[in-house]
Amino acid sequence: MDAVIFDLDGVLVDSERIWDEVRRAVVAEHGGTWREEATRAQQGMSTPEWARYLVEELGAQLSPPEIATLVVKRMAARYAEEPPLIPGAVEVVRAVAKRWPVAIASSSPVILIKGFLDVTGLPVGAAVSSEQVGAGKPAPDVYLRAAELLGVAPSDCAAVEDTTNGLRSALAAGMAVYAVPNPHFPPDPEVLKQATAVVEKITDLPGALGLS
């Protein structure tokens, strides 16, 4: 293993529920109807993908660019108040970065990734949003790009993920996958079985990686 690539939402920040709250509110305010499967369907989607989903599948009466702007603006306001950092996550990334190059491969917009890095000051060698690549998770694009920026072969990378689509993305990229299952949106058990290791919480990751 020559590098470790972290997902952001659900792994380093407890933001999946905030994304859900904000999207639900915006859809309701603009004439759409939330469906039971909508939360899981959107996990891992890039901004253009979930914006189209809110309009085309849930019926929000805005254009995809308009709804994306509105949702991201509200998310940025939440982050500005205080990023919902998962306890111990920042310390874990710092510990891992002392041994290997680290990167972030996230479905969050660039502005939110930047906000997180500005607050934490983490020593990240690359940070990629699925906005910047061909497709969001479960496609492997964002992980492949992060590995490319680090100058490491995907097969020599470990990925840290929490949701079904995130796990599928990292697996499709050919990486060793360390799963930290999201307690609010547990991943598909069949997909979880394919992980190299499963840890209960992010603070258990250094041990799984052999750092302690």
Protein backbone atom coordinates (compact mmCIF):
# COMPACT_ATOMS: atom_id res chain seq x y z
CA MET A 1 0.00 0.00 0.00
CA ASP A 2 1.44 3.35 -1.09
CA ALA A 3 -1.38 5.82 -0.33
CA VAL A 4 -4.67 6.19 1.55
CA ILE A 5 -7.67 7.97 0.03
CA PHE A 6 -10.51 9.10 2.27
CA ASP A 7 -14.12 9.76 1.46
CA LEU A 8 -15.39 12.92 3.21
CA ASP A 9 -19.12 12.71 3.98
CA GLY A 10 -19.84 10.08 6.61
CA VAL A 11 -16.15 9.24 7.08
CA LEU A 12 -14.57 12.51 8.21
CA VAL A 13 -17.64 14.72 8.61
CA ASP A 14 -21.05 13.64 9.89
CA SER A 15 -22.80 15.39 7.05
CA GLU A 16 -24.97 12.75 5.38
CA ARG A 17 -27.91 13.70 7.60
CA ILE A 18 -27.36 17.41 6.93
CA TRP A 19 -27.36 16.80 3.16
CA ASP A 20 -30.57 14.85 3.63
CA GLU A 21 -32.25 17.59 5.70
CA VAL A 22 -31.28 20.35 3.28
CA ARG A 23 -32.32 18.48 0.14
CA ARG A 24 -35.63 17.40 1.70
CA ALA A 25 -36.41 20.99 2.69
CA VAL A 26 -35.54 22.44 -0.72
CA VAL A 27 -37.59 19.79 -2.55
CA ALA A 28 -40.60 20.43 -0.29
CA GLU A 29 -40.32 24.21 -0.65
CA HIS A 30 -40.32 23.94 -4.43
CA GLY A 31 -43.21 21.59 -5.07
CA GLY A 32 -41.48 18.24 -5.13
CA THR A 33 -42.21 15.03 -3.23
CA TRP A 34 -39.54 13.11 -1.34
CA ARG A 35 -39.50 9.33 -1.80
CA GLU A 36 -38.27 6.69 0.58
CA GLU A 37 -35.46 5.55 -1.70
CA ALA A 38 -34.22 9.07 -2.50
CA THR A 39 -31.62 9.32 0.27
CA ARG A 40 -29.72 6.17 -0.67
CA ALA A 41 -30.12 6.82 -4.38
CA GLN A 42 -28.27 10.12 -4.10
CA GLN A 43 -25.36 8.95 -1.96
CA GLY A 44 -22.24 9.30 -4.06
CA MET A 45 -23.87 11.26 -6.88
CA SER A 46 -22.00 14.29 -8.19
CA THR A 47 -23.67 17.69 -7.85
CA PRO A 48 -25.05 17.73 -11.43
CA GLU A 49 -26.36 14.18 -10.96
CA TRP A 50 -28.25 14.77 -7.71
CA ALA A 51 -29.53 18.14 -8.92
CA ARG A 52 -31.11 16.41 -11.93
CA TYR A 53 -32.50 13.73 -9.62
CA LEU A 54 -34.23 16.30 -7.39
CA VAL A 55 -35.86 17.88 -10.42
CA GLU A 56 -36.54 14.93 -12.73
CA GLU A 57 -37.32 12.23 -10.17
CA LEU A 58 -38.70 14.17 -7.20
CA GLY A 59 -40.42 16.97 -9.11
CA ALA A 60 -38.81 20.09 -7.62
CA GLN A 61 -39.91 23.09 -9.67
CA LEU A 62 -36.46 24.55 -10.32
CA SER A 63 -33.83 23.90 -12.96
CA PRO A 64 -31.00 21.56 -11.94
CA PRO A 65 -28.46 24.44 -11.80
CA GLU A 66 -30.83 26.50 -9.65
CA ILE A 67 -31.48 23.72 -7.16
CA ALA A 68 -27.79 22.82 -6.99
CA THR A 69 -26.90 26.42 -6.18
CA LEU A 70 -29.55 26.64 -3.48
CA VAL A 71 -28.66 23.35 -1.79
CA VAL A 72 -24.90 24.01 -1.85
CA LYS A 73 -25.42 27.54 -0.50
CA ARG A 74 -27.34 26.14 2.47
CA MET A 75 -24.75 23.43 3.05
CA ALA A 76 -21.96 26.03 2.96
CA ALA A 77 -23.84 28.05 5.58
CA ARG A 78 -24.02 24.97 7.82
CA TYR A 79 -20.30 24.34 7.36
CA ALA A 80 -19.49 27.99 8.09
CA GLU A 81 -21.23 27.70 11.45
CA GLU A 82 -19.16 24.64 12.34
CA PRO A 83 -18.22 21.68 10.14
CA PRO A 84 -19.76 18.54 11.67
CA LEU A 85 -16.44 16.78 12.23
CA ILE A 86 -16.62 13.14 13.27
CA PRO A 87 -14.82 12.75 16.62
CA GLY A 88 -11.24 11.62 16.11
CA ALA A 89 -11.34 11.83 12.31
CA VAL A 90 -8.90 14.71 11.92
CA GLU A 91 -6.41 13.05 14.26
CA VAL A 92 -6.70 9.79 12.30
CA VAL A 93 -5.92 11.49 8.99
CA ARG A 94 -2.90 13.22 10.54
CA ALA A 95 -1.63 9.89 11.89
CA VAL A 96 -2.09 8.14 8.56
CA ALA A 97 -0.43 11.03 6.69
CA LYS A 98 2.74 10.54 8.72
CA ARG A 99 3.12 7.12 7.07
CA TRP A 100 1.52 7.47 3.61
CA PRO A 101 0.40 10.20 1.21
CA VAL A 102 -3.31 10.90 1.71
CA ALA A 103 -6.05 12.29 -0.51
CA ILE A 104 -9.77 13.01 -0.39
CA ALA A 105 -12.15 11.63 -3.02
CA SER A 106 -15.60 13.04 -2.34
CA SER A 107 -18.99 13.64 -3.88
CA SER A 108 -19.16 16.97 -2.07
CA PRO A 109 -18.80 20.16 -4.13
CA VAL A 110 -15.35 21.74 -4.27
CA ILE A 111 -16.46 24.63 -2.04
CA LEU A 112 -17.36 22.26 0.81
CA ILE A 113 -14.17 20.22 0.49
CA LYS A 114 -12.17 23.46 0.58
CA GLY A 115 -14.12 24.64 3.63
CA PHE A 116 -13.31 21.41 5.44
CA LEU A 117 -9.61 21.62 4.58
CA ASP A 118 -9.44 25.31 5.53
CA VAL A 119 -10.85 24.53 8.97
CA THR A 120 -8.76 21.41 9.64
CA GLY A 121 -5.51 22.25 7.86
CA LEU A 122 -5.01 18.58 7.04
CA PRO A 123 -1.88 17.60 5.04
CA VAL A 124 -3.76 16.30 2.02
CA GLY A 125 -1.81 15.66 -1.17
CA ALA A 126 -4.89 15.82 -3.41
CA ALA A 127 -8.58 16.56 -3.02
CA VAL A 128 -11.02 15.62 -5.76
CA SER A 129 -14.74 16.29 -6.07
CA SER A 130 -16.88 14.13 -8.32
CA GLU A 131 -17.93 17.45 -9.89
CA GLN A 132 -14.45 17.49 -11.45
CA VAL A 133 -14.59 14.03 -13.06
CA GLY A 134 -16.82 12.14 -15.45
CA ALA A 135 -19.29 10.56 -13.04
CA GLY A 136 -20.09 10.34 -9.35
CA LYS A 137 -19.95 7.25 -7.19
CA PRO A 138 -20.51 4.28 -7.67
CA ALA A 139 -18.42 4.98 -10.78
CA PRO A 140 -14.69 4.80 -9.93
CA ASP A 141 -13.75 8.11 -11.59
CA VAL A 142 -13.16 10.20 -8.45
CA TYR A 143 -10.91 7.55 -6.88
CA LEU A 144 -8.96 7.01 -10.08
CA ARG A 145 -8.33 10.75 -10.38
CA ALA A 146 -7.19 11.03 -6.76
CA ALA A 147 -4.72 8.19 -7.26
CA GLU A 148 -3.47 9.81 -10.46
CA LEU A 149 -2.86 13.12 -8.67
CA LEU A 150 -0.92 11.31 -5.95
CA GLY A 151 1.12 9.49 -8.60
CA VAL A 152 0.15 6.09 -7.19
CA ALA A 153 -1.40 3.12 -9.00
CA PRO A 154 -5.02 2.54 -7.87
CA SER A 155 -4.16 -1.06 -6.94
CA ASP A 156 -1.58 0.32 -4.48
CA CYS A 157 -4.12 2.54 -2.71
CA ALA A 158 -6.40 1.97 0.25
CA ALA A 159 -9.78 3.71 0.24
CA VAL A 160 -11.84 4.54 3.33
CA GLU A 161 -15.61 4.52 2.72
CA ASP A 162 -18.94 4.31 4.54
CA THR A 163 -21.85 3.86 2.11
CA THR A 164 -22.87 1.33 -0.53
CA ASN A 165 -22.14 3.56 -3.51
CA GLY A 166 -18.86 4.74 -2.01
CA LEU A 167 -17.72 1.17 -1.42
CA ARG A 168 -18.69 0.21 -4.97
CA SER A 169 -16.75 3.17 -6.34
CA ALA A 170 -13.53 2.28 -4.53
CA LEU A 171 -13.90 -1.42 -5.36
CA ALA A 172 -14.44 -0.57 -9.04
CA ALA A 173 -11.23 1.46 -8.91
CA GLY A 174 -9.38 -1.68 -7.82
CA MET A 175 -8.44 -0.39 -4.37
CA ALA A 176 -8.24 -2.13 -1.03
CA VAL A 177 -11.33 -0.85 0.77
CA TYR A 178 -11.57 -0.15 4.48
CA ALA A 179 -15.21 0.26 5.45
CA VAL A 180 -16.49 2.41 8.28
CA PRO A 181 -20.23 1.63 7.93
CA ASN A 182 -22.46 4.67 8.21
CA PRO A 183 -24.72 4.03 11.24
CA HIS A 184 -27.51 6.20 9.82
CA PHE A 185 -27.42 4.69 6.31
CA PRO A 186 -25.85 1.21 6.65
CA PRO A 187 -24.28 -0.16 3.46
CA ASP A 188 -25.55 -3.20 1.60
CA PRO A 189 -24.23 -6.28 3.45
CA GLU A 190 -23.28 -7.99 0.19
CA VAL A 191 -21.14 -5.01 -0.85
CA LEU A 192 -19.68 -4.72 2.64
CA LYS A 193 -18.45 -8.32 2.41
CA GLN A 194 -16.09 -7.25 -0.37
CA ALA A 195 -14.19 -4.83 1.86
CA THR A 196 -10.64 -5.63 2.91
CA ALA A 197 -11.56 -4.74 6.48
CA VAL A 198 -14.53 -3.32 8.37
CA VAL A 199 -14.07 -1.07 11.40
CA GLU A 200 -16.76 0.18 13.72
CA LYS A 201 -15.49 3.76 13.90
CA ILE A 202 -12.86 5.92 12.21
CA THR A 203 -10.61 5.85 15.27
CA ASP A 204 -10.18 2.10 14.73
CA LEU A 205 -8.66 2.67 11.29
CA PRO A 206 -4.99 3.11 12.31
CA GLY A 207 -5.06 -0.32 13.93
CA ALA A 208 -6.62 -1.88 10.83
CA LEU A 209 -3.88 -0.29 8.73
CA GLY A 210 -1.19 -1.64 11.04
CA LEU A 211 -0.23 1.71 12.55
CA SER A 212 -0.83 0.67 16.14
